[in-house]
Amino acid sequence: MLQKIDIQGVHLKIDEKTHRYVLKKLGHIDKYLPSAVKESAHAEIQLKESKSKSTNKYTCEITLYLPKETINIKESTINMFAAIDIVESKVIQKIHQYKDLHHSGKFHRRLMARFRSRQS
């Protein structure tokens, strides 16, 4: 589980059921992070409710602070739990991109091989 998770509700009171669901879904995203990043990563989660005349709209926004990058994802739907699920899948995709860019040995070896071949 991430060391620091801040969950805030904007125009919305977060009950225990929603709090547990957020921790269940977004609290265990650290298993996708590289081991060197796990201790310094922390997340801020904002749950918002926008009331209009016809429907209520719920927004889930997560900001994940990593050493070399900040990942920010925002999703709005008519159901709070659906917004949390969609944000979870998107943040996992972004973490995979982060790992490929910053923590892949293959990428660095391939990049250095290109530089060496151009110098020759």
N, C-alpha and C. Protein backbone atom coordinates (compact mmCIF):
# COMPACT_ATOMS: atom_id res chain seq x y z
N MET A 1 0.83 -1.18 0.00
CA MET A 1 0.00 0.00 0.00
C MET A 1 0.88 1.24 0.00
N LEU A 2 0.44 2.26 -0.70
CA LEU A 2 1.20 3.50 -0.73
C LEU A 2 1.35 4.07 0.67
N GLN A 3 2.49 4.69 0.94
CA GLN A 3 2.76 5.23 2.27
C GLN A 3 1.84 6.39 2.61
N LYS A 4 1.57 7.25 1.64
CA LYS A 4 0.75 8.44 1.91
C LYS A 4 -0.34 8.56 0.86
N ILE A 5 -1.57 8.52 1.30
CA ILE A 5 -2.73 8.70 0.43
C ILE A 5 -3.63 9.73 1.09
N ASP A 6 -3.90 10.83 0.39
CA ASP A 6 -4.82 11.86 0.87
C ASP A 6 -6.10 11.76 0.06
N ILE A 7 -7.22 11.55 0.75
CA ILE A 7 -8.52 11.47 0.09
C ILE A 7 -9.35 12.65 0.55
N GLN A 8 -9.81 13.45 -0.42
CA GLN A 8 -10.59 14.64 -0.11
C GLN A 8 -11.91 14.59 -0.86
N GLY A 9 -12.93 15.13 -0.25
CA GLY A 9 -14.22 15.25 -0.91
C GLY A 9 -14.54 16.71 -1.14
N VAL A 10 -14.91 17.08 -2.36
CA VAL A 10 -15.27 18.44 -2.70
C VAL A 10 -16.77 18.44 -3.00
N HIS A 11 -17.53 19.19 -2.23
CA HIS A 11 -18.99 19.22 -2.32
C HIS A 11 -19.58 17.82 -2.09
N LEU A 12 -18.89 17.03 -1.30
CA LEU A 12 -19.28 15.65 -1.09
C LEU A 12 -18.70 15.18 0.24
N LYS A 13 -19.53 14.55 1.05
CA LYS A 13 -19.05 13.95 2.28
C LYS A 13 -18.71 12.49 1.99
N ILE A 14 -17.47 12.11 2.26
CA ILE A 14 -17.02 10.75 1.96
C ILE A 14 -17.39 9.85 3.13
N ASP A 15 -18.25 8.87 2.85
CA ASP A 15 -18.64 7.93 3.90
C ASP A 15 -17.61 6.79 3.98
N GLU A 16 -17.79 5.93 4.95
CA GLU A 16 -16.83 4.84 5.20
C GLU A 16 -16.79 3.85 4.03
N LYS A 17 -17.93 3.60 3.42
CA LYS A 17 -17.99 2.66 2.30
C LYS A 17 -17.16 3.18 1.11
N THR A 18 -17.32 4.44 0.78
CA THR A 18 -16.56 5.03 -0.32
C THR A 18 -15.07 5.08 0.01
N HIS A 19 -14.73 5.41 1.25
CA HIS A 19 -13.34 5.48 1.67
C HIS A 19 -12.66 4.12 1.55
N ARG A 20 -13.34 3.07 1.98
CA ARG A 20 -12.79 1.71 1.86
C ARG A 20 -12.63 1.30 0.41
N TYR A 21 -13.60 1.69 -0.44
CA TYR A 21 -13.54 1.33 -1.85
C TYR A 21 -12.35 2.01 -2.54
N VAL A 22 -12.14 3.28 -2.22
CA VAL A 22 -11.01 4.01 -2.79
C VAL A 22 -9.69 3.38 -2.36
N LEU A 23 -9.57 3.03 -1.09
CA LEU A 23 -8.34 2.40 -0.61
C LEU A 23 -8.14 1.02 -1.24
N LYS A 24 -9.22 0.30 -1.44
CA LYS A 24 -9.13 -1.02 -2.06
C LYS A 24 -8.65 -0.92 -3.51
N LYS A 25 -9.21 0.03 -4.25
CA LYS A 25 -8.89 0.15 -5.67
C LYS A 25 -7.58 0.89 -5.92
N LEU A 26 -7.38 2.03 -5.27
CA LEU A 26 -6.24 2.88 -5.59
C LEU A 26 -5.11 2.78 -4.56
N GLY A 27 -5.34 2.12 -3.46
CA GLY A 27 -4.29 2.00 -2.45
C GLY A 27 -3.23 0.99 -2.80
N HIS A 28 -3.55 0.06 -3.68
CA HIS A 28 -2.62 -1.01 -4.02
C HIS A 28 -1.98 -0.82 -5.39
N ILE A 29 -1.94 0.41 -5.87
CA ILE A 29 -1.28 0.64 -7.15
C ILE A 29 0.24 0.63 -6.99
N ASP A 30 0.72 0.56 -5.77
CA ASP A 30 2.17 0.52 -5.57
C ASP A 30 2.78 -0.78 -6.08
N LYS A 31 1.99 -1.82 -6.23
CA LYS A 31 2.55 -3.07 -6.74
C LYS A 31 2.95 -2.95 -8.21
N TYR A 32 2.47 -1.92 -8.89
CA TYR A 32 2.86 -1.68 -10.28
C TYR A 32 4.07 -0.76 -10.39
N LEU A 33 4.45 -0.11 -9.28
CA LEU A 33 5.57 0.83 -9.29
C LEU A 33 6.90 0.09 -9.17
N PRO A 34 7.98 0.66 -9.71
CA PRO A 34 9.30 0.07 -9.49
C PRO A 34 9.68 0.13 -8.01
N SER A 35 10.49 -0.80 -7.57
CA SER A 35 10.80 -0.88 -6.14
C SER A 35 11.54 0.34 -5.63
N ALA A 36 12.32 1.01 -6.47
CA ALA A 36 13.06 2.19 -6.03
C ALA A 36 12.14 3.40 -5.82
N VAL A 37 10.96 3.36 -6.37
CA VAL A 37 10.03 4.50 -6.33
C VAL A 37 8.99 4.35 -5.23
N LYS A 38 8.74 3.14 -4.76
CA LYS A 38 7.63 2.87 -3.84
C LYS A 38 7.66 3.71 -2.58
N GLU A 39 8.82 3.93 -2.00
CA GLU A 39 8.89 4.64 -0.73
C GLU A 39 8.62 6.13 -0.87
N SER A 40 8.95 6.71 -2.00
CA SER A 40 8.79 8.16 -2.15
C SER A 40 7.49 8.55 -2.85
N ALA A 41 6.75 7.61 -3.37
CA ALA A 41 5.51 7.92 -4.08
C ALA A 41 4.38 8.21 -3.10
N HIS A 42 3.57 9.22 -3.42
CA HIS A 42 2.35 9.46 -2.66
C HIS A 42 1.26 9.99 -3.59
N ALA A 43 0.03 9.82 -3.15
CA ALA A 43 -1.12 10.12 -4.01
C ALA A 43 -2.09 11.05 -3.30
N GLU A 44 -2.69 11.93 -4.09
CA GLU A 44 -3.79 12.77 -3.63
C GLU A 44 -5.01 12.43 -4.48
N ILE A 45 -6.10 12.11 -3.82
CA ILE A 45 -7.32 11.71 -4.52
C ILE A 45 -8.42 12.69 -4.15
N GLN A 46 -9.05 13.27 -5.15
CA GLN A 46 -10.17 14.18 -4.92
C GLN A 46 -11.42 13.60 -5.54
N LEU A 47 -12.47 13.53 -4.74
CA LEU A 47 -13.78 13.08 -5.21
C LEU A 47 -14.70 14.29 -5.20
N LYS A 48 -15.30 14.60 -6.34
CA LYS A 48 -16.13 15.80 -6.47
C LYS A 48 -17.52 15.42 -6.93
N GLU A 49 -18.48 16.22 -6.50
CA GLU A 49 -19.86 16.04 -6.96
C GLU A 49 -20.34 17.35 -7.56
N SER A 50 -20.84 17.30 -8.78
CA SER A 50 -21.39 18.47 -9.45
C SER A 50 -22.89 18.24 -9.62
N LYS A 51 -23.66 19.09 -9.01
CA LYS A 51 -25.11 18.94 -9.11
C LYS A 51 -25.64 19.86 -10.20
N SER A 52 -26.43 19.30 -11.06
CA SER A 52 -27.14 20.09 -12.06
C SER A 52 -28.63 19.74 -11.96
N LYS A 53 -29.44 20.40 -12.73
CA LYS A 53 -30.88 20.16 -12.64
C LYS A 53 -31.27 18.76 -13.09
N SER A 54 -30.59 18.25 -14.10
CA SER A 54 -30.99 16.95 -14.64
C SER A 54 -30.31 15.78 -13.92
N THR A 55 -28.99 15.83 -13.74
CA THR A 55 -28.29 14.69 -13.13
C THR A 55 -27.17 15.17 -12.23
N ASN A 56 -26.71 14.27 -11.41
CA ASN A 56 -25.50 14.50 -10.64
C ASN A 56 -24.33 13.92 -11.40
N LYS A 57 -23.21 14.59 -11.35
CA LYS A 57 -22.01 14.11 -12.02
C LYS A 57 -20.90 14.00 -10.99
N TYR A 58 -20.25 12.86 -10.97
CA TYR A 58 -19.18 12.61 -10.01
C TYR A 58 -17.84 12.59 -10.73
N THR A 59 -16.85 13.19 -10.12
CA THR A 59 -15.52 13.26 -10.70
C THR A 59 -14.52 12.68 -9.72
N CYS A 60 -13.63 11.85 -10.22
CA CYS A 60 -12.54 11.31 -9.43
C CYS A 60 -11.24 11.78 -10.08
N GLU A 61 -10.41 12.42 -9.30
CA GLU A 61 -9.13 12.92 -9.80
C GLU A 61 -8.01 12.41 -8.91
N ILE A 62 -6.98 11.85 -9.51
CA ILE A 62 -5.84 11.35 -8.76
C ILE A 62 -4.59 12.05 -9.26
N THR A 63 -3.77 12.49 -8.32
CA THR A 63 -2.46 13.04 -8.62
C THR A 63 -1.45 12.16 -7.91
N LEU A 64 -0.61 11.50 -8.69
CA LEU A 64 0.39 10.58 -8.16
C LEU A 64 1.75 11.22 -8.34
N TYR A 65 2.41 11.51 -7.22
CA TYR A 65 3.71 12.15 -7.24
C TYR A 65 4.81 11.09 -7.22
N LEU A 66 5.59 11.05 -8.29
CA LEU A 66 6.70 10.12 -8.44
C LEU A 66 7.99 10.93 -8.56
N PRO A 67 9.15 10.33 -8.35
CA PRO A 67 10.39 11.11 -8.34
C PRO A 67 10.69 11.92 -9.60
N LYS A 68 10.45 11.40 -10.77
CA LYS A 68 10.80 12.14 -11.99
C LYS A 68 9.59 12.66 -12.74
N GLU A 69 8.40 12.42 -12.23
CA GLU A 69 7.19 12.78 -12.97
C GLU A 69 6.01 12.85 -12.02
N THR A 70 5.01 13.63 -12.41
CA THR A 70 3.74 13.68 -11.69
C THR A 70 2.65 13.22 -12.65
N ILE A 71 1.88 12.23 -12.21
CA ILE A 71 0.80 11.68 -13.03
C ILE A 71 -0.52 12.24 -12.51
N ASN A 72 -1.30 12.86 -13.40
CA ASN A 72 -2.57 13.45 -13.03
C ASN A 72 -3.64 12.89 -13.96
N ILE A 73 -4.67 12.28 -13.38
CA ILE A 73 -5.74 11.67 -14.16
C ILE A 73 -7.08 12.11 -13.57
N LYS A 74 -8.01 12.44 -14.45
CA LYS A 74 -9.32 12.93 -14.02
C LYS A 74 -10.39 12.26 -14.87
N GLU A 75 -11.44 11.79 -14.22
CA GLU A 75 -12.52 11.12 -14.94
C GLU A 75 -13.86 11.49 -14.30
N SER A 76 -14.86 11.75 -15.14
CA SER A 76 -16.20 12.11 -14.67
C SER A 76 -17.24 11.16 -15.25
N THR A 77 -18.13 10.68 -14.38
CA THR A 77 -19.26 9.83 -14.79
C THR A 77 -20.46 10.13 -13.90
N ILE A 78 -21.53 9.42 -14.12
CA ILE A 78 -22.72 9.62 -13.29
C ILE A 78 -22.70 8.76 -12.04
N ASN A 79 -21.68 7.90 -11.90
CA ASN A 79 -21.56 7.02 -10.74
C ASN A 79 -20.15 7.16 -10.17
N MET A 80 -20.04 7.39 -8.88
CA MET A 80 -18.74 7.59 -8.24
C MET A 80 -17.87 6.35 -8.34
N PHE A 81 -18.43 5.19 -8.13
CA PHE A 81 -17.64 3.96 -8.15
C PHE A 81 -17.12 3.65 -9.56
N ALA A 82 -17.90 3.98 -10.58
CA ALA A 82 -17.44 3.79 -11.96
C ALA A 82 -16.28 4.73 -12.27
N ALA A 83 -16.34 5.95 -11.77
CA ALA A 83 -15.25 6.90 -11.99
C ALA A 83 -13.96 6.41 -11.33
N ILE A 84 -14.07 5.83 -10.14
CA ILE A 84 -12.90 5.29 -9.44
C ILE A 84 -12.31 4.13 -10.21
N ASP A 85 -13.15 3.25 -10.76
CA ASP A 85 -12.67 2.11 -11.54
C ASP A 85 -11.94 2.56 -12.80
N ILE A 86 -12.48 3.55 -13.49
CA ILE A 86 -11.86 4.03 -14.71
C ILE A 86 -10.52 4.68 -14.41
N VAL A 87 -10.46 5.46 -13.34
CA VAL A 87 -9.20 6.11 -12.94
C VAL A 87 -8.16 5.06 -12.58
N GLU A 88 -8.58 3.99 -11.94
CA GLU A 88 -7.64 2.93 -11.58
C GLU A 88 -6.98 2.33 -12.82
N SER A 89 -7.78 2.01 -13.84
CA SER A 89 -7.21 1.42 -15.04
C SER A 89 -6.31 2.40 -15.78
N LYS A 90 -6.68 3.68 -15.80
CA LYS A 90 -5.86 4.67 -16.48
C LYS A 90 -4.54 4.91 -15.75
N VAL A 91 -4.56 4.92 -14.43
CA VAL A 91 -3.33 5.15 -13.68
C VAL A 91 -2.38 3.96 -13.83
N ILE A 92 -2.90 2.77 -13.94
CA ILE A 92 -2.04 1.60 -14.16
C ILE A 92 -1.36 1.70 -15.53
N GLN A 93 -2.10 2.15 -16.54
CA GLN A 93 -1.50 2.34 -17.86
C GLN A 93 -0.39 3.39 -17.81
N LYS A 94 -0.65 4.50 -17.10
CA LYS A 94 0.36 5.55 -16.99
C LYS A 94 1.59 5.08 -16.23
N ILE A 95 1.40 4.25 -15.23
CA ILE A 95 2.55 3.73 -14.48
C ILE A 95 3.39 2.83 -15.37
N HIS A 96 2.75 2.03 -16.23
CA HIS A 96 3.51 1.20 -17.16
C HIS A 96 4.32 2.06 -18.13
N GLN A 97 3.74 3.17 -18.59
CA GLN A 97 4.48 4.09 -19.44
C GLN A 97 5.64 4.72 -18.69
N TYR A 98 5.42 5.07 -17.43
CA TYR A 98 6.48 5.65 -16.59
C TYR A 98 7.62 4.66 -16.42
N LYS A 99 7.29 3.40 -16.17
CA LYS A 99 8.33 2.38 -16.01
C LYS A 99 9.12 2.18 -17.29
N ASP A 100 8.44 2.17 -18.42
CA ASP A 100 9.13 2.01 -19.70
C ASP A 100 10.09 3.17 -19.96
N LEU A 101 9.67 4.36 -19.59
CA LEU A 101 10.47 5.53 -19.87
C LEU A 101 11.64 5.70 -18.91
N HIS A 102 11.42 5.46 -17.62
CA HIS A 102 12.42 5.80 -16.61
C HIS A 102 13.17 4.61 -16.02
N HIS A 103 12.60 3.43 -16.03
CA HIS A 103 13.20 2.34 -15.27
C HIS A 103 13.43 1.07 -16.08
N SER A 104 13.53 1.20 -17.37
CA SER A 104 13.75 0.02 -18.17
C SER A 104 15.20 -0.05 -18.59
N GLY A 105 15.87 -1.12 -18.23
CA GLY A 105 17.26 -1.30 -18.62
C GLY A 105 17.39 -1.48 -20.12
N LYS A 106 16.40 -2.11 -20.74
CA LYS A 106 16.45 -2.32 -22.18
C LYS A 106 16.44 -0.99 -22.93
N PHE A 107 15.63 -0.06 -22.45
CA PHE A 107 15.55 1.24 -23.11
C PHE A 107 16.89 1.95 -23.07
N HIS A 108 17.54 1.97 -21.92
CA HIS A 108 18.82 2.65 -21.80
C HIS A 108 19.91 1.96 -22.61
N ARG A 109 19.92 0.64 -22.63
CA ARG A 109 20.91 -0.08 -23.43
C ARG A 109 20.70 0.18 -24.91
N ARG A 110 19.44 0.20 -25.35
CA ARG A 110 19.12 0.45 -26.74
C ARG A 110 19.51 1.88 -27.13
N LEU A 111 19.25 2.82 -26.25
CA LEU A 111 19.59 4.21 -26.51
C LEU A 111 21.10 4.40 -26.61
N MET A 112 21.84 3.78 -25.70
CA MET A 112 23.30 3.88 -25.73
C MET A 112 23.87 3.18 -26.96
N ALA A 113 23.26 2.10 -27.40
CA ALA A 113 23.72 1.41 -28.60
C ALA A 113 23.54 2.29 -29.83
N ARG A 114 22.47 3.07 -29.87
CA ARG A 114 22.26 3.98 -30.99
C ARG A 114 23.34 5.06 -31.02
N PHE A 115 23.65 5.62 -29.86
CA PHE A 115 24.68 6.65 -29.81
C PHE A 115 26.05 6.10 -30.20
N ARG A 116 26.35 4.90 -29.77
CA ARG A 116 27.64 4.29 -30.10
C ARG A 116 27.73 4.00 -31.60
N SER A 117 26.64 3.55 -32.20
CA SER A 117 26.67 3.23 -33.65
C SER A 117 26.81 4.49 -34.48
N ARG A 118 26.28 5.61 -34.02
CA ARG A 118 26.40 6.87 -34.76
C ARG A 118 27.81 7.44 -34.66
N GLN A 119 28.47 7.21 -33.55
CA GLN A 119 29.82 7.73 -33.37
C GLN A 119 30.83 6.96 -34.20
N SER A 120 30.56 5.74 -34.50
CA SER A 120 31.50 4.89 -35.25
C SER A 120 31.54 5.21 -36.71
